[in-house]
Amino acid sequence: MAEITNSFPFQFYGTMIEVHMADDGHWYIRLDHMCEHLGLDPASQRRRLQEHPAIGDRCVPIVIDTPYRDSTRKQEVWFLDIHVLPLWLGMIQVLKVREELRERLIFSQRDLAHSLWLLYRSETFPKEILDEINASMSPADRQVAEIFEAAQQVRRKVDILNGRLDEELSRLGLVIGNLDNRLGAVETKIIGEETINSQQAKQIQDMVSIVADALHLSNKSKYSKSTAHATVHNEFKQQFQIHIYSALPASRFDDARNFLGSWWQKLSKRGAPLPSIFKGRQDSLL
């Protein structure tokens, strides 16, 4: 059985709750304290957690000192691993929570649902469907989705390197893909290689849109506007082994500009002047 080694207070939904570090390397919160603040019955919540096949083992008893009359006594108390706290909050029936906390819990559950969608969408739907979904999103929303996907891929790679996912994902039928290539840009950012600035990323985004328009006009029967944008967007990422435009190494910006400019020229009428956006560049501010 784990033992608590240290405790730290933090603000949770308008009250102070303690998070506890244990000698098993995990961090926990007292389930009864959380339930008391939320207006839930601790015993029923503990049963629900223990019966859950995915997270039942994350609800554990720990012996601690608790108040007793004018002193303290050792008592077994149930704790919840903080890694599953968001999922537990997402499982709670809102109408059972104290009325003044319901709106906040509803917001958290909606936010959790959206975050899970962003994390797992690439492991749920095939690439061609995601391309269509991405094409209908705003550039900002698309970039957020790609950041989530990149983070998920990094996590999967770490799990594989640590031996946690070798057989489990195969058993479940999940596909990781060529992580060394797909995560190249993410890893270079981690080790500090200089990448393009926001102006340069915006320039690439605009160039991609111009090439996509030319691709659509070159063969409207084959490429709708959304399909053309998805095609150029994905071909560019594949060519430079990046997940988002801002991950492009600064040293490769000219290569990227020339790649898109050459593509536009192949799609356009012979002799058509190259748009100025393919000629200029936004130098790094770093």
Protein backbone atom coordinates (compact mmCIF):
# COMPACT_ATOMS: atom_id res chain seq x y z
CA MET A 1 0.00 0.00 0.00
CA ALA A 2 1.28 3.46 -0.93
CA GLU A 3 2.19 6.07 1.67
CA ILE A 4 1.73 9.84 1.43
CA THR A 5 5.06 11.69 1.48
CA ASN A 6 3.98 15.28 0.87
CA SER A 7 0.86 17.39 0.35
CA PHE A 8 0.17 20.63 -1.51
CA PRO A 9 -2.99 22.78 -1.49
CA PHE A 10 -4.59 24.06 -4.70
CA GLN A 11 -7.76 25.88 -5.72
CA PHE A 12 -10.50 23.64 -7.12
CA TYR A 13 -13.93 24.95 -8.10
CA GLY A 14 -13.79 27.71 -5.50
CA THR A 15 -12.36 25.79 -2.55
CA MET A 16 -8.96 24.58 -1.35
CA ILE A 17 -8.18 20.90 -1.95
CA GLU A 18 -4.91 19.10 -1.28
CA VAL A 19 -3.01 17.04 -3.81
CA HIS A 20 -0.79 14.37 -2.28
CA MET A 21 2.49 12.89 -3.48
CA ALA A 22 2.93 9.22 -2.63
CA ASP A 23 5.96 6.95 -2.47
CA ASP A 24 4.67 4.89 -5.42
CA GLY A 25 5.41 7.79 -7.78
CA HIS A 26 1.75 8.78 -8.20
CA TRP A 27 -0.15 11.88 -7.12
CA TYR A 28 -3.55 11.58 -5.49
CA ILE A 29 -6.52 13.53 -4.16
CA ARG A 30 -8.84 12.43 -1.38
CA LEU A 31 -12.03 11.21 -2.97
CA ASP A 32 -14.18 12.07 0.04
CA HIS A 33 -12.98 15.67 0.07
CA MET A 34 -13.73 16.07 -3.63
CA CYS A 35 -17.18 14.51 -3.22
CA GLU A 36 -17.97 16.68 -0.21
CA HIS A 37 -17.23 19.85 -2.16
CA LEU A 38 -19.19 18.71 -5.20
CA GLY A 39 -22.15 17.51 -3.13
CA LEU A 40 -21.75 13.85 -4.07
CA ASP A 41 -21.96 10.69 -2.01
CA PRO A 42 -18.38 9.35 -1.56
CA ALA A 43 -19.41 5.72 -1.17
CA SER A 44 -21.41 5.58 -4.39
CA GLN A 45 -18.68 7.41 -6.33
CA ARG A 46 -16.07 4.99 -5.00
CA ARG A 47 -18.18 2.03 -6.12
CA ARG A 48 -18.60 3.53 -9.59
CA LEU A 49 -14.86 4.08 -9.89
CA GLN A 50 -13.93 0.62 -8.64
CA GLU A 51 -16.38 -1.03 -11.03
CA HIS A 52 -14.94 0.86 -14.01
CA PRO A 53 -12.69 -1.57 -15.94
CA ALA A 54 -10.40 1.16 -17.28
CA ILE A 55 -9.74 3.24 -14.17
CA GLY A 56 -10.88 1.08 -11.25
CA ASP A 57 -7.27 0.45 -10.22
CA ARG A 58 -6.67 4.21 -9.94
CA CYS A 59 -8.93 4.48 -6.90
CA VAL A 60 -6.84 3.17 -4.01
CA PRO A 61 -6.92 3.02 -0.19
CA ILE A 62 -4.13 4.75 1.73
CA VAL A 63 -3.70 4.80 5.50
CA ILE A 64 -3.30 8.34 6.84
CA ASP A 65 -3.67 10.24 10.09
CA THR A 66 -7.20 11.62 10.48
CA PRO A 67 -8.72 13.79 13.24
CA TYR A 68 -10.21 11.83 16.14
CA ARG A 69 -11.57 13.64 19.17
CA ASP A 70 -8.68 15.73 20.48
CA SER A 71 -6.02 13.74 18.67
CA THR A 72 -5.51 11.71 15.49
CA ARG A 73 -5.77 8.10 14.48
CA LYS A 74 -4.68 5.93 11.59
CA GLN A 75 -7.49 5.34 9.12
CA GLU A 76 -7.83 3.86 5.63
CA VAL A 77 -9.04 6.58 3.23
CA TRP A 78 -9.79 6.30 -0.50
CA PHE A 79 -7.72 8.36 -2.90
CA LEU A 80 -8.01 9.01 -6.64
CA ASP A 81 -5.01 9.20 -8.96
CA ILE A 82 -5.02 12.72 -10.44
CA HIS A 83 -4.35 11.30 -13.93
CA VAL A 84 -7.96 10.12 -14.06
CA LEU A 85 -9.48 13.18 -12.36
CA PRO A 86 -10.65 14.78 -15.66
CA LEU A 87 -12.27 11.52 -16.79
CA TRP A 88 -14.02 11.07 -13.43
CA LEU A 89 -15.35 14.63 -13.60
CA GLY A 90 -16.54 13.88 -17.12
CA MET A 91 -18.48 10.84 -15.87
CA ILE A 92 -20.34 12.68 -13.11
CA GLN A 93 -24.07 13.29 -13.60
CA VAL A 94 -24.35 17.06 -13.51
CA LEU A 95 -27.74 17.17 -11.80
CA LYS A 96 -26.27 15.39 -8.77
CA VAL A 97 -23.71 18.16 -8.23
CA ARG A 98 -24.32 21.21 -6.09
CA GLU A 99 -26.34 23.68 -8.15
CA GLU A 100 -23.80 26.51 -7.95
CA LEU A 101 -21.12 24.23 -9.51
CA ARG A 102 -23.17 22.77 -12.34
CA GLU A 103 -22.37 25.33 -15.02
CA ARG A 104 -18.67 25.00 -14.32
CA LEU A 105 -18.85 21.21 -14.51
CA ILE A 106 -20.83 21.37 -17.77
CA PHE A 107 -18.13 23.59 -19.26
CA SER A 108 -15.42 21.16 -18.11
CA GLN A 109 -17.24 18.17 -19.60
CA ARG A 110 -17.74 19.90 -22.93
CA ASP A 111 -14.11 20.96 -22.99
CA LEU A 112 -13.03 17.41 -22.15
CA ALA A 113 -15.15 16.02 -25.00
CA HIS A 114 -13.59 18.46 -27.47
CA SER A 115 -10.05 17.76 -26.25
CA LEU A 116 -10.59 14.00 -26.56
CA TRP A 117 -11.90 14.48 -30.09
CA LEU A 118 -8.77 16.41 -31.05
CA LEU A 119 -6.47 13.83 -29.45
CA TYR A 120 -8.05 10.69 -30.88
CA ARG A 121 -9.57 11.74 -34.19
CA SER A 122 -6.53 10.61 -36.21
CA GLU A 123 -6.69 7.19 -34.51
CA THR A 124 -10.41 6.90 -35.25
CA PHE A 125 -10.92 8.14 -38.83
CA PRO A 126 -8.92 7.45 -42.01
CA LYS A 127 -6.76 10.15 -43.54
CA GLU A 128 -9.09 10.90 -46.46
CA ILE A 129 -11.96 11.72 -44.11
CA LEU A 130 -9.72 13.86 -41.89
CA ASP A 131 -8.55 15.76 -44.97
CA GLU A 132 -12.14 16.70 -45.74
CA ILE A 133 -12.78 17.65 -42.11
CA ASN A 134 -9.63 19.77 -42.01
CA ALA A 135 -10.53 21.54 -45.24
CA SER A 136 -13.79 22.75 -43.71
CA MET A 137 -12.07 24.17 -40.62
CA SER A 138 -10.64 27.64 -40.18
CA PRO A 139 -6.83 27.86 -40.40
CA ALA A 140 -6.60 28.57 -36.67
CA ASP A 141 -8.81 25.60 -35.71
CA ARG A 142 -6.91 23.37 -38.12
CA GLN A 143 -3.60 24.36 -36.55
CA VAL A 144 -4.93 23.61 -33.06
CA ALA A 145 -6.09 20.19 -34.23
CA GLU A 146 -2.69 19.45 -35.74
CA ILE A 147 -0.91 20.48 -32.53
CA PHE A 148 -3.09 18.09 -30.55
CA GLU A 149 -2.37 15.32 -33.04
CA ALA A 150 1.36 16.01 -32.90
CA ALA A 151 1.27 15.88 -29.09
CA GLN A 152 -0.59 12.57 -29.22
CA GLN A 153 1.94 11.14 -31.63
CA VAL A 154 4.80 12.24 -29.36
CA ARG A 155 3.07 10.54 -26.43
CA ARG A 156 2.59 7.35 -28.44
CA LYS A 157 6.25 7.37 -29.43
CA VAL A 158 7.35 7.79 -25.81
CA ASP A 159 5.06 4.92 -24.81
CA ILE A 160 6.61 2.73 -27.50
CA LEU A 161 10.15 3.65 -26.48
CA ASN A 162 9.28 2.83 -22.89
CA GLY A 163 7.81 -0.52 -23.92
CA ARG A 164 4.30 0.30 -22.76
CA LEU A 165 2.59 0.07 -26.14
CA ASP A 166 4.45 -2.58 -28.08
CA GLU A 167 1.68 -5.17 -28.14
CA GLU A 168 -1.34 -3.31 -26.80
CA LEU A 169 -1.90 -1.04 -29.79
CA SER A 170 -1.47 -3.90 -32.23
CA ARG A 171 -4.03 -5.90 -30.30
CA LEU A 172 -6.47 -2.99 -30.53
CA GLY A 173 -5.80 -2.43 -34.22
CA LEU A 174 -4.39 1.09 -33.84
CA VAL A 175 -1.84 2.37 -36.34
CA ILE A 176 1.01 4.60 -35.27
CA GLY A 177 2.64 5.16 -38.63
CA ASN A 178 6.19 6.31 -39.34
CA LEU A 179 6.77 8.34 -36.22
CA ASP A 180 10.39 9.14 -36.97
CA ASN A 181 9.35 11.03 -40.10
CA ARG A 182 6.04 12.48 -38.92
CA LEU A 183 7.52 13.84 -35.70
CA GLY A 184 10.72 15.22 -37.09
CA ALA A 185 9.62 18.83 -36.83
CA VAL A 186 8.19 18.42 -33.35
CA GLU A 187 11.43 16.93 -32.11
CA THR A 188 13.57 19.63 -33.68
CA LYS A 189 11.52 22.23 -31.82
CA ILE A 190 12.14 20.34 -28.58
CA ILE A 191 15.91 20.43 -29.04
CA GLY A 192 15.78 24.10 -30.00
CA GLU A 193 16.33 24.30 -33.77
CA GLU A 194 15.19 27.67 -35.05
CA THR A 195 11.88 27.57 -36.90
CA ILE A 196 10.08 30.12 -39.05
CA ASN A 197 8.32 33.04 -37.38
CA SER A 198 4.59 33.75 -37.42
CA GLN A 199 4.82 36.06 -40.47
CA GLN A 200 6.61 33.38 -42.46
CA ALA A 201 4.07 30.77 -41.39
CA LYS A 202 1.27 33.10 -42.56
CA GLN A 203 3.08 33.56 -45.88
CA ILE A 204 3.24 29.79 -46.37
CA GLN A 205 -0.44 29.49 -45.48
CA ASP A 206 -1.29 32.11 -48.13
CA MET A 207 0.94 30.45 -50.73
CA VAL A 208 -0.72 27.10 -50.06
CA SER A 209 -4.12 28.73 -50.61
CA ILE A 210 -3.00 30.24 -53.93
CA VAL A 211 -1.65 26.91 -55.17
CA ALA A 212 -4.85 25.20 -54.04
CA ASP A 213 -6.94 27.68 -56.02
CA ALA A 214 -4.81 26.97 -59.10
CA LEU A 215 -5.20 23.22 -58.59
CA HIS A 216 -8.98 23.60 -58.34
CA LEU A 217 -9.15 25.69 -61.52
CA SER A 218 -6.92 23.25 -63.39
CA ASN A 219 -9.32 20.34 -62.88
CA LYS A 220 -12.64 21.29 -61.29
CA SER A 221 -14.14 17.88 -61.93
CA LYS A 222 -11.45 16.19 -59.84
CA TYR A 223 -10.68 18.82 -57.22
CA SER A 224 -13.30 20.73 -55.30
CA LYS A 225 -11.98 23.79 -53.47
CA SER A 226 -11.83 21.88 -50.18
CA THR A 227 -10.21 18.82 -51.77
CA ALA A 228 -7.65 20.96 -53.57
CA HIS A 229 -6.69 22.76 -50.35
CA ALA A 230 -6.38 19.47 -48.47
CA THR A 231 -4.24 18.02 -51.27
CA VAL A 232 -1.77 20.92 -51.32
CA HIS A 233 -1.75 21.19 -47.54
CA ASN A 234 -0.92 17.51 -47.05
CA GLU A 235 1.57 17.33 -49.92
CA PHE A 236 3.46 20.29 -48.45
CA LYS A 237 3.58 18.70 -44.98
CA GLN A 238 4.73 15.40 -46.48
CA GLN A 239 7.41 17.10 -48.57
CA PHE A 240 8.94 18.90 -45.58
CA GLN A 241 8.09 16.31 -42.91
CA ILE A 242 6.25 18.75 -40.65
CA HIS A 243 2.89 18.68 -38.92
CA ILE A 244 2.16 22.41 -38.87
CA TYR A 245 3.58 25.28 -40.92
CA SER A 246 5.23 26.95 -37.91
CA ALA A 247 7.37 23.82 -37.36
CA LEU A 248 9.25 24.39 -40.62
CA PRO A 249 12.98 24.96 -39.93
CA ALA A 250 13.96 28.54 -40.79
CA SER A 251 16.78 27.21 -42.98
CA ARG A 252 14.19 25.56 -45.27
CA PHE A 253 11.88 28.53 -45.80
CA ASP A 254 13.31 29.35 -49.25
CA ASP A 255 12.98 25.69 -50.25
CA ALA A 256 9.34 25.76 -49.21
CA ARG A 257 8.66 28.98 -51.10
CA ASN A 258 10.32 27.60 -54.25
CA PHE A 259 8.43 24.29 -53.94
CA LEU A 260 5.06 26.04 -53.85
CA GLY A 261 6.05 28.56 -56.51
CA SER A 262 7.13 25.82 -58.92
CA TRP A 263 3.88 23.94 -58.29
CA TRP A 264 1.85 27.07 -59.07
CA GLN A 265 3.77 27.60 -62.34
CA LYS A 266 3.08 24.02 -63.47
CA LEU A 267 -0.66 24.57 -62.90
CA SER A 268 -0.88 28.01 -64.51
CA LYS A 269 -0.87 29.16 -68.13
CA ARG A 270 2.55 29.30 -69.73
CA GLY A 271 4.07 32.74 -69.29
CA ALA A 272 1.80 33.75 -66.42
CA PRO A 273 3.75 36.00 -64.03
CA LEU A 274 4.60 34.45 -60.69
CA PRO A 275 2.60 36.13 -57.91
CA SER A 276 4.76 38.39 -55.76
CA ILE A 277 4.11 36.35 -52.61
CA PHE A 278 6.33 33.60 -54.05
CA LYS A 279 9.18 36.05 -54.57
CA GLY A 280 9.42 37.90 -51.26
CA ARG A 281 10.02 36.53 -47.80
CA GLN A 282 9.47 37.48 -44.18
CA ASP A 283 12.85 37.17 -42.48
CA SER A 284 13.01 35.68 -39.02
CA LEU A 285 12.76 38.15 -36.17
CA LEU A 286 14.99 36.02 -33.97
